[in-house]
N, C-alpha and C. Protein backbone atom coordinates (compact mmCIF):
# COMPACT_ATOMS: atom_id res chain seq x y z
N MET A 1 53.26 39.32 94.08
CA MET A 1 53.34 38.23 92.42
C MET A 1 55.18 37.86 92.59
N PRO A 2 55.59 36.84 92.36
CA PRO A 2 56.90 36.38 92.20
C PRO A 2 57.61 37.09 91.13
N ASP A 3 57.41 37.74 90.02
CA ASP A 3 58.19 38.01 89.09
C ASP A 3 58.94 39.59 89.35
N SER A 4 59.97 39.27 88.53
CA SER A 4 60.56 40.64 88.35
C SER A 4 59.50 41.99 87.42
N ASP A 5 59.88 42.93 88.33
CA ASP A 5 59.38 44.03 86.97
C ASP A 5 59.88 45.10 87.28
N GLY A 6 59.78 46.16 85.79
CA GLY A 6 60.84 47.09 85.82
C GLY A 6 60.47 48.50 85.98
N TRP A 7 59.07 48.61 86.87
CA TRP A 7 59.11 49.77 87.64
C TRP A 7 58.89 49.60 89.44
N ALA A 8 59.11 48.44 89.69
CA ALA A 8 58.83 48.48 91.02
C ALA A 8 59.10 47.32 91.59
N PRO A 9 59.97 47.54 92.84
CA PRO A 9 60.84 46.27 93.74
C PRO A 9 60.01 45.04 93.97
N GLN A 10 58.66 45.49 93.94
CA GLN A 10 57.99 43.96 94.30
C GLN A 10 56.38 44.84 93.59
N VAL A 11 55.71 43.94 93.34
CA VAL A 11 54.33 44.15 92.92
C VAL A 11 53.23 43.29 93.08
N GLY A 12 51.48 43.10 93.11
CA GLY A 12 50.88 42.56 93.04
C GLY A 12 49.35 43.21 93.60
N PHE A 13 48.58 43.61 94.38
CA PHE A 13 47.41 43.39 94.11
C PHE A 13 46.75 44.14 96.01
N VAL A 14 46.58 45.63 95.44
CA VAL A 14 45.94 45.72 96.96
C VAL A 14 44.36 46.09 96.56
N ASP A 15 43.21 45.35 97.29
CA ASP A 15 41.69 45.21 96.80
C ASP A 15 41.18 45.47 95.51
N GLY A 16 42.36 44.81 94.41
CA GLY A 16 41.37 44.53 93.42
C GLY A 16 42.71 45.31 92.81
N PHE A 17 43.34 46.23 93.23
CA PHE A 17 43.80 47.30 91.95
C PHE A 17 44.97 46.48 92.28
N PRO A 18 45.82 46.69 90.89
CA PRO A 18 47.47 46.35 90.94
C PRO A 18 48.27 47.53 91.65
N ALA A 19 49.52 46.78 91.84
CA ALA A 19 50.31 47.93 93.06
C ALA A 19 51.99 47.52 93.19
N GLY A 20 52.41 48.64 92.85
CA GLY A 20 53.78 48.28 92.87
C GLY A 20 54.11 48.98 94.28
N ARG A 21 55.65 48.36 95.42
CA ARG A 21 55.37 48.56 96.38
C ARG A 21 57.44 48.67 96.53
N ASP A 22 57.82 49.09 97.14
CA ASP A 22 59.12 49.25 97.68
C ASP A 22 59.32 49.25 99.61
N SER A 23 59.72 48.13 99.43
CA SER A 23 59.72 48.07 101.23
C SER A 23 61.28 48.38 101.44
N ALA A 24 61.64 48.75 101.03
CA ALA A 24 63.07 49.86 101.36
C ALA A 24 62.01 51.26 102.18
N THR A 25 61.48 51.34 101.20
CA THR A 25 60.68 53.13 101.68
C THR A 25 59.49 52.95 102.69
N GLY A 26 59.26 51.33 102.73
CA GLY A 26 57.82 51.20 102.73
C GLY A 26 56.28 51.96 102.32
N LYS A 27 56.67 52.46 100.87
CA LYS A 27 55.86 52.80 100.53
C LYS A 27 54.79 51.95 98.79
N THR A 28 53.99 52.46 98.81
CA THR A 28 53.12 50.73 98.33
C THR A 28 52.33 52.72 96.97
N TRP A 29 51.95 52.17 95.67
CA TRP A 29 51.02 52.38 95.15
C TRP A 29 50.28 51.45 94.10
N LEU A 30 49.44 52.67 93.50
CA LEU A 30 48.86 52.21 92.59
C LEU A 30 49.46 52.46 91.49
N ALA A 31 49.27 51.11 90.10
CA ALA A 31 50.20 50.97 88.69
C ALA A 31 49.40 51.58 87.73
N HIS A 32 49.60 52.18 87.29
CA HIS A 32 49.26 52.67 85.89
C HIS A 32 48.67 51.27 83.94
N CYS A 33 48.25 50.58 84.96
CA CYS A 33 47.53 49.11 84.14
C CYS A 33 46.57 49.03 82.55
N TYR A 34 46.00 48.85 82.20
CA TYR A 34 45.30 48.85 81.28
C TYR A 34 43.54 49.27 82.66
N GLY A 35 42.80 50.36 81.89
CA GLY A 35 42.09 49.97 82.30
C GLY A 35 41.54 51.32 82.97
N THR A 36 43.23 52.18 83.98
CA THR A 36 43.54 52.44 85.03
C THR A 36 42.72 53.97 84.84
N LEU A 37 42.07 54.25 86.36
CA LEU A 37 41.90 56.22 85.52
C LEU A 37 42.74 56.73 86.55
N GLY A 38 42.61 57.97 86.08
CA GLY A 38 43.90 58.99 86.81
C GLY A 38 43.66 60.08 86.64
N ALA A 39 44.12 60.98 87.38
CA ALA A 39 43.50 62.67 87.93
C ALA A 39 44.81 63.16 86.99
N GLY A 40 44.48 63.70 85.27
CA GLY A 40 45.69 64.61 84.86
C GLY A 40 46.19 65.84 85.60
N ARG A 41 47.21 66.46 85.59
CA ARG A 41 48.30 67.31 86.20
C ARG A 41 48.56 68.52 85.39
N ASN A 42 48.53 69.74 85.67
CA ASN A 42 50.08 70.21 85.32
C ASN A 42 51.70 69.47 85.83
N ILE A 43 52.46 70.76 85.48
CA ILE A 43 53.91 70.38 85.89
C ILE A 43 53.87 70.48 87.45
N ASP A 44 53.50 70.74 87.59
CA ASP A 44 53.49 70.72 89.33
C ASP A 44 52.54 69.47 90.36
N ALA A 45 53.82 68.58 91.01
CA ALA A 45 53.06 67.46 91.31
C ALA A 45 51.81 67.39 92.08
N ASP A 46 51.02 68.57 92.69
CA ASP A 46 50.22 68.93 93.39
C ASP A 46 49.49 69.68 92.53
N SER A 47 49.11 69.25 91.47
CA SER A 47 48.39 70.54 90.07
C SER A 47 46.85 69.91 90.15
N SER A 48 46.82 68.65 90.22
CA SER A 48 45.45 68.10 89.45
C SER A 48 44.58 69.02 90.53
N ILE A 49 43.69 69.09 90.33
CA ILE A 49 42.27 69.04 91.31
C ILE A 49 41.07 68.13 90.66
N GLY A 50 40.95 67.30 90.37
CA GLY A 50 40.06 65.91 89.34
C GLY A 50 39.75 66.63 88.71
N THR A 51 39.90 67.58 88.07
CA THR A 51 38.75 67.95 86.70
C THR A 51 39.32 66.92 85.43
N GLU A 52 40.33 67.38 85.40
CA GLU A 52 41.14 65.92 83.89
C GLU A 52 41.38 64.18 84.22
N LEU A 53 40.09 64.24 83.91
CA LEU A 53 40.66 62.18 84.83
C LEU A 53 40.89 61.85 83.52
N TYR A 54 41.46 60.63 83.32
CA TYR A 54 41.88 59.94 81.85
C TYR A 54 41.65 58.07 82.49
N VAL A 55 41.64 57.36 81.30
CA VAL A 55 41.71 55.84 81.57
C VAL A 55 42.90 55.24 80.79
N VAL A 56 43.59 54.77 81.04
CA VAL A 56 44.84 53.97 80.60
C VAL A 56 44.10 52.79 78.73
N THR A 57 44.26 53.50 78.18
CA THR A 57 43.75 52.51 76.88
C THR A 57 44.22 51.72 75.79
N GLY A 58 46.20 52.30 76.11
CA GLY A 58 46.89 50.97 75.30
C GLY A 58 47.36 50.52 76.31
N GLN A 59 48.88 50.30 76.20
CA GLN A 59 50.51 50.06 76.47
C GLN A 59 49.93 50.43 77.70
N SER A 60 50.62 49.93 78.93
CA SER A 60 50.49 50.53 80.40
C SER A 60 51.95 51.17 80.33
N PRO A 61 51.58 52.77 80.69
CA PRO A 61 52.32 53.14 80.84
C PRO A 61 53.12 53.84 82.25
N ARG A 62 53.35 52.78 82.21
CA ARG A 62 54.03 52.64 83.54
C ARG A 62 54.99 53.73 84.71
N GLN A 63 55.85 54.40 83.49
CA GLN A 63 56.64 55.27 83.80
C GLN A 63 55.48 56.51 84.69
N LEU A 64 54.87 56.43 84.47
CA LEU A 64 53.72 57.05 85.19
C LEU A 64 53.54 57.05 86.50
N ASP A 65 53.54 55.96 87.08
CA ASP A 65 53.72 55.38 88.44
C ASP A 65 54.30 56.50 89.54
N ARG A 66 53.63 56.66 90.25
CA ARG A 66 54.07 57.95 91.49
C ARG A 66 54.20 58.72 91.04
N ASN A 67 54.34 59.47 89.45
CA ASN A 67 53.45 60.47 89.31
C ASN A 67 52.41 61.28 88.60
N ILE A 68 51.73 60.21 88.45
CA ILE A 68 50.02 60.61 88.65
C ILE A 68 49.18 60.14 89.81
N THR A 69 48.03 60.90 90.17
CA THR A 69 47.50 60.07 90.89
C THR A 69 46.72 59.26 89.96
N VAL A 70 46.37 57.79 90.40
CA VAL A 70 45.47 56.86 90.14
C VAL A 70 44.00 57.26 91.13
N VAL A 71 42.74 56.94 90.64
CA VAL A 71 42.33 57.41 91.44
C VAL A 71 40.89 56.20 91.51
N GLY A 72 41.81 55.21 90.87
CA GLY A 72 40.30 53.98 90.30
C GLY A 72 40.34 53.44 89.03
N ARG A 73 39.42 52.12 88.78
CA ARG A 73 39.53 51.60 87.28
C ARG A 73 38.25 51.46 86.68
N VAL A 74 38.69 50.92 85.83
CA VAL A 74 37.20 50.67 85.10
C VAL A 74 36.91 49.19 85.21
N VAL A 75 35.45 48.61 85.50
CA VAL A 75 35.54 47.24 85.43
C VAL A 75 34.63 46.71 84.62
N LYS A 76 33.76 47.75 84.06
CA LYS A 76 33.16 47.32 83.39
C LYS A 76 32.93 48.26 82.24
N GLY A 77 33.10 48.80 80.48
CA GLY A 77 32.56 49.37 79.59
C GLY A 77 33.77 49.88 79.19
N MET A 78 35.28 48.79 78.68
CA MET A 78 36.30 49.28 78.60
C MET A 78 36.74 48.84 77.10
N GLU A 79 35.02 48.32 76.42
CA GLU A 79 34.99 48.17 75.02
C GLU A 79 34.48 49.79 74.58
N LEU A 80 34.11 50.46 75.37
CA LEU A 80 33.65 51.86 74.77
C LEU A 80 34.65 52.69 74.73
N LEU A 81 35.22 52.95 76.12
CA LEU A 81 37.07 54.24 76.07
C LEU A 81 37.44 53.65 74.91
N SER A 82 37.77 52.70 74.62
CA SER A 82 39.10 52.03 74.12
C SER A 82 38.90 51.80 72.20
N VAL A 83 37.59 52.62 71.49
CA VAL A 83 37.45 52.94 70.67
C VAL A 83 37.35 54.26 70.40
N ILE A 84 37.03 55.30 71.51
CA ILE A 84 37.43 56.77 70.84
C ILE A 84 38.42 56.68 70.49
N PRO A 85 38.13 57.94 69.75
CA PRO A 85 39.74 58.15 68.28
C PRO A 85 40.47 59.44 69.71
N ARG A 86 42.11 58.77 69.19
CA ARG A 86 42.37 59.70 69.76
C ARG A 86 43.22 61.18 69.24
N GLY A 87 43.80 62.16 70.35
CA GLY A 87 43.81 63.54 69.58
C GLY A 87 45.11 63.39 68.76
N PRO A 88 44.84 64.42 67.34
CA PRO A 88 46.02 64.39 67.40
C PRO A 88 47.15 65.06 67.69
N ASP A 89 46.92 65.50 68.88
CA ASP A 89 48.73 66.44 69.63
C ASP A 89 49.05 65.71 70.45
N PRO A 90 50.07 65.99 71.03
CA PRO A 90 50.67 64.62 71.56
C PRO A 90 50.46 63.67 72.87
N MET A 91 50.51 63.00 72.78
CA MET A 91 50.29 62.04 73.91
C MET A 91 48.28 61.77 73.57
N GLY A 92 47.51 61.79 72.32
CA GLY A 92 46.22 61.78 72.26
C GLY A 92 45.80 62.98 72.66
N PHE A 93 45.97 64.25 72.81
CA PHE A 93 45.63 65.39 73.09
C PHE A 93 44.88 65.81 72.34
N TYR A 94 43.88 66.77 72.10
CA TYR A 94 43.04 67.00 71.23
C TYR A 94 42.85 68.79 71.83
N ALA A 95 44.06 69.76 70.80
CA ALA A 95 44.10 71.29 71.06
C ALA A 95 42.75 72.30 70.61
N ASP A 96 41.97 71.00 70.16
CA ASP A 96 40.57 72.14 69.12
C ASP A 96 39.58 71.03 70.00
N ALA A 97 38.56 71.35 70.76
CA ALA A 97 37.58 70.96 72.24
C ALA A 97 36.76 70.54 70.87
N ALA A 98 36.86 71.37 69.26
CA ALA A 98 35.52 70.55 68.93
C ALA A 98 35.82 69.14 68.75
N GLN A 99 37.36 68.75 68.34
CA GLN A 99 37.62 67.46 67.83
C GLN A 99 37.03 66.35 69.12
N ARG A 100 37.22 66.95 70.46
CA ARG A 100 37.14 66.16 71.54
C ARG A 100 35.34 64.81 71.49
N SER A 101 35.20 63.77 71.94
CA SER A 101 34.33 63.20 71.94
C SER A 101 34.22 63.51 73.62
N PRO A 102 32.86 63.67 73.50
CA PRO A 102 31.81 63.92 74.93
C PRO A 102 32.12 62.97 75.52
N ILE A 103 32.03 62.97 77.40
CA ILE A 103 31.05 62.36 77.56
C ILE A 103 30.19 62.73 78.60
N ARG A 104 29.44 62.09 77.76
CA ARG A 104 27.56 62.68 78.35
C ARG A 104 27.16 62.93 79.84
N ALA A 105 27.68 61.68 80.72
CA ALA A 105 27.23 61.74 81.82
C ALA A 105 28.13 60.29 82.26
N ILE A 106 28.68 60.43 83.73
CA ILE A 106 29.78 59.38 84.45
C ILE A 106 29.31 59.52 85.66
N ARG A 107 29.38 58.51 86.21
CA ARG A 107 28.81 58.58 87.76
C ARG A 107 29.18 57.60 88.39
N LEU A 108 29.32 57.56 89.13
CA LEU A 108 29.84 56.34 90.81
C LEU A 108 28.99 54.80 90.79
N ALA A 109 29.50 53.80 90.87
CA ALA A 109 28.65 53.05 91.13
C ALA A 109 27.42 53.72 92.45
N SER A 110 28.11 53.82 93.38
CA SER A 110 27.70 54.50 94.90
C SER A 110 26.78 55.57 94.38
N GLU A 111 26.78 56.36 93.87
CA GLU A 111 25.68 56.73 93.44
C GLU A 111 24.16 56.74 92.58
N VAL A 112 24.73 55.28 91.75
CA VAL A 112 23.29 55.08 91.81
C VAL A 112 22.62 54.20 93.01
N PRO A 113 21.01 54.40 92.63
CA PRO A 113 20.78 53.93 93.84
C PRO A 113 20.67 52.23 93.75
N ALA A 114 20.93 51.37 94.36
CA ALA A 114 21.09 49.96 94.62
C ALA A 114 20.47 49.90 93.14
N PRO A 115 19.30 49.33 93.91
CA PRO A 115 18.34 48.63 92.72
C PRO A 115 18.29 49.15 91.49
N GLU A 116 18.98 49.97 90.74
CA GLU A 116 19.31 50.35 89.39
C GLU A 116 20.87 49.89 89.27
N ARG A 117 21.58 49.34 89.74
CA ARG A 117 23.10 48.93 89.54
C ARG A 117 23.03 48.05 88.59
N THR A 118 24.00 47.90 87.98
CA THR A 118 24.63 46.50 87.57
C THR A 118 25.13 45.66 88.31
N PRO A 119 24.71 44.50 88.02
CA PRO A 119 25.72 43.62 89.50
C PRO A 119 26.20 43.07 88.40
N LEU A 120 27.40 43.14 89.21
CA LEU A 120 28.80 42.44 89.17
C LEU A 120 29.71 42.05 89.88
N GLN A 121 30.23 40.89 89.69
CA GLN A 121 31.21 40.53 90.69
C GLN A 121 32.46 40.38 90.16
N LEU A 122 33.35 40.66 91.23
CA LEU A 122 34.88 40.85 90.62
C LEU A 122 35.64 39.25 91.78
N LEU A 123 36.47 38.99 90.80
CA LEU A 123 36.81 37.56 91.48
C LEU A 123 38.39 38.68 92.09
N ARG A 124 38.31 38.29 93.14
CA ARG A 124 39.11 38.82 94.77
C ARG A 124 40.87 38.82 94.55
N THR A 125 40.98 39.56 94.55
CA THR A 125 42.24 39.37 94.30
C THR A 125 43.33 38.66 95.43
N ASP A 126 42.87 38.34 96.56
CA ASP A 126 43.50 37.78 97.90
C ASP A 126 42.83 36.06 97.92
N SER A 127 42.14 35.72 96.77
CA SER A 127 41.47 34.76 96.85
C SER A 127 42.86 33.07 96.40
N GLN A 128 42.36 31.76 96.55
CA GLN A 128 43.14 31.46 95.94
C GLN A 128 42.83 30.76 94.74
N THR A 129 41.89 30.92 93.93
CA THR A 129 41.03 30.88 92.86
C THR A 129 41.89 32.34 91.99
N PHE A 130 41.99 33.25 92.83
CA PHE A 130 42.89 34.33 91.48
C PHE A 130 44.04 33.87 91.54
N ARG A 131 44.71 33.51 92.33
CA ARG A 131 46.40 33.24 92.89
C ARG A 131 47.03 31.55 91.44
N ASP A 132 45.65 31.00 91.03
CA ASP A 132 45.52 29.74 90.87
C ASP A 132 45.46 30.14 88.92
N MET A 133 44.58 30.97 88.76
CA MET A 133 44.37 31.89 87.98
C MET A 133 45.69 32.49 86.95
N THR A 134 46.44 33.08 88.23
CA THR A 134 47.50 33.83 87.86
C THR A 134 48.76 33.29 87.51
N GLU A 135 48.82 31.91 88.03
CA GLU A 135 49.77 31.26 87.91
C GLU A 135 49.46 30.09 86.79
N ALA A 136 48.50 30.31 86.33
CA ALA A 136 47.90 29.24 84.99
C ALA A 136 48.37 30.46 83.88
N ARG A 137 48.51 31.22 83.63
CA ARG A 137 48.50 32.43 83.33
C ARG A 137 50.12 32.85 82.78
N ARG A 138 50.95 32.46 84.06
CA ARG A 138 52.43 32.48 83.74
C ARG A 138 52.93 31.26 83.40
N ASN A 139 52.70 30.03 83.13
CA ASN A 139 52.53 29.04 82.53
C ASN A 139 52.06 28.44 82.08
N ARG A 140 51.59 28.78 80.44
CA ARG A 140 49.87 28.95 80.25
C ARG A 140 50.45 27.48 78.90
N ARG A 141 49.30 26.13 79.26
CA ARG A 141 50.10 25.33 78.70
C ARG A 141 49.10 25.24 77.95
N ASP A 142 48.72 24.99 76.76
CA ASP A 142 47.62 24.58 75.61
C ASP A 142 47.65 24.11 74.18
N ASP A 143 47.33 24.14 73.25
CA ASP A 143 47.99 23.90 72.55
C ASP A 143 48.38 25.19 71.74
N PHE A 144 48.73 26.33 71.64
CA PHE A 144 49.27 27.14 71.18
C PHE A 144 50.69 27.31 71.73
N TYR A 145 50.49 27.58 73.20
CA TYR A 145 51.86 27.42 74.20
C TYR A 145 52.98 26.58 73.95
N LYS A 146 53.44 26.27 72.76
CA LYS A 146 54.73 25.44 72.61
C LYS A 146 55.97 25.22 73.96
N ARG A 147 56.38 26.82 74.62
CA ARG A 147 57.10 27.14 75.58
C ARG A 147 56.42 28.29 76.77
N PRO A 148 55.98 27.47 77.90
CA PRO A 148 55.74 28.51 78.62
C PRO A 148 57.03 29.24 79.04
N ALA A 149 56.14 30.63 79.56
CA ALA A 149 56.51 31.90 79.61
C ALA A 149 57.64 31.62 80.90
N GLY A 150 56.75 30.87 82.35
CA GLY A 150 57.42 31.62 83.22
C GLY A 150 57.49 32.66 83.82
N HIS A 151 55.85 33.14 83.41
CA HIS A 151 56.26 34.67 83.90
C HIS A 151 55.38 35.71 83.45
N ILE A 152 54.91 36.78 84.45
CA ILE A 152 53.88 37.42 83.56
C ILE A 152 54.12 38.35 84.36
N ASP A 153 53.23 39.87 84.09
CA ASP A 153 53.61 40.98 84.25
C ASP A 153 52.36 41.57 84.71
N LEU A 154 52.69 42.25 85.68
CA LEU A 154 51.13 43.01 86.71
C LEU A 154 50.78 43.45 86.15
N CYS A 155 51.32 44.19 84.40
CA CYS A 155 49.60 44.38 83.50
C CYS A 155 48.79 43.60 83.18
N ASN A 156 49.01 42.33 82.81
CA ASN A 156 48.95 41.40 82.42
C ASN A 156 48.09 40.19 82.73
N VAL A 157 48.08 40.68 84.38
CA VAL A 157 47.60 39.61 85.01
C VAL A 157 45.73 39.64 84.90
N PRO A 158 44.83 39.63 84.43
CA PRO A 158 43.72 39.86 84.35
C PRO A 158 42.62 40.22 85.22
N LEU A 159 41.92 41.01 85.56
CA LEU A 159 41.11 41.05 86.53
C LEU A 159 39.56 40.73 86.36
N PRO A 160 39.50 39.74 86.49
CA PRO A 160 37.96 38.71 85.67
C PRO A 160 36.75 39.76 86.41
N VAL A 161 35.50 40.38 85.75
CA VAL A 161 34.23 40.86 86.48
C VAL A 161 33.07 40.15 85.92
N ARG A 162 32.35 39.79 86.20
CA ARG A 162 31.22 39.57 85.37
C ARG A 162 29.58 39.98 85.64
N THR A 163 28.73 39.37 84.87
CA THR A 163 27.43 39.21 85.60
C THR A 163 26.76 38.30 86.50
N PRO A 164 26.44 38.30 87.80
CA PRO A 164 26.77 36.98 88.40
C PRO A 164 25.37 36.01 87.63
N PRO A 165 25.60 34.91 87.64
CA PRO A 165 24.83 33.62 86.97
C PRO A 165 23.12 33.87 87.63
N ALA A 166 22.82 33.49 86.71
CA ALA A 166 21.30 33.77 86.50
C ALA A 166 20.15 32.29 87.21
N GLY A 167 19.62 32.77 88.32
CA GLY A 167 19.34 31.40 89.41
C GLY A 167 19.79 31.43 90.80
């Protein structure tokens, strides 16, 4: 993407994931945008065992980029996750397990037999349609916007998902 970013020298998308890149080091990482699925850890950098997962449900905490492992993203159902009450402790944690809202079941789509999967279509981030849509968001020209921004933040680029049209 052509716009500057406070968290990475370069930003864009890798296989549908928002990502940052530092060409000086050759490192690329996935960004903590809305809907990102991460694996919590303790103080030690390599302390995550993947049993404490979280989803970004509010403002994008980009300071977590390169500090906590991103393992995926939610493509459907964010409207359900985003209304789960936050815990009363710092960063929305629950000290009292009785206050938690349990997730009773969760599965990867690859674990669901193909005939039972919810059919979804994701707009490819390497397509011209995606580039055109992003540019239109950078420079909105409709009745509401009187002055186009000419800029878009990585985490404000929508990643369209839909059910396939009938027929």
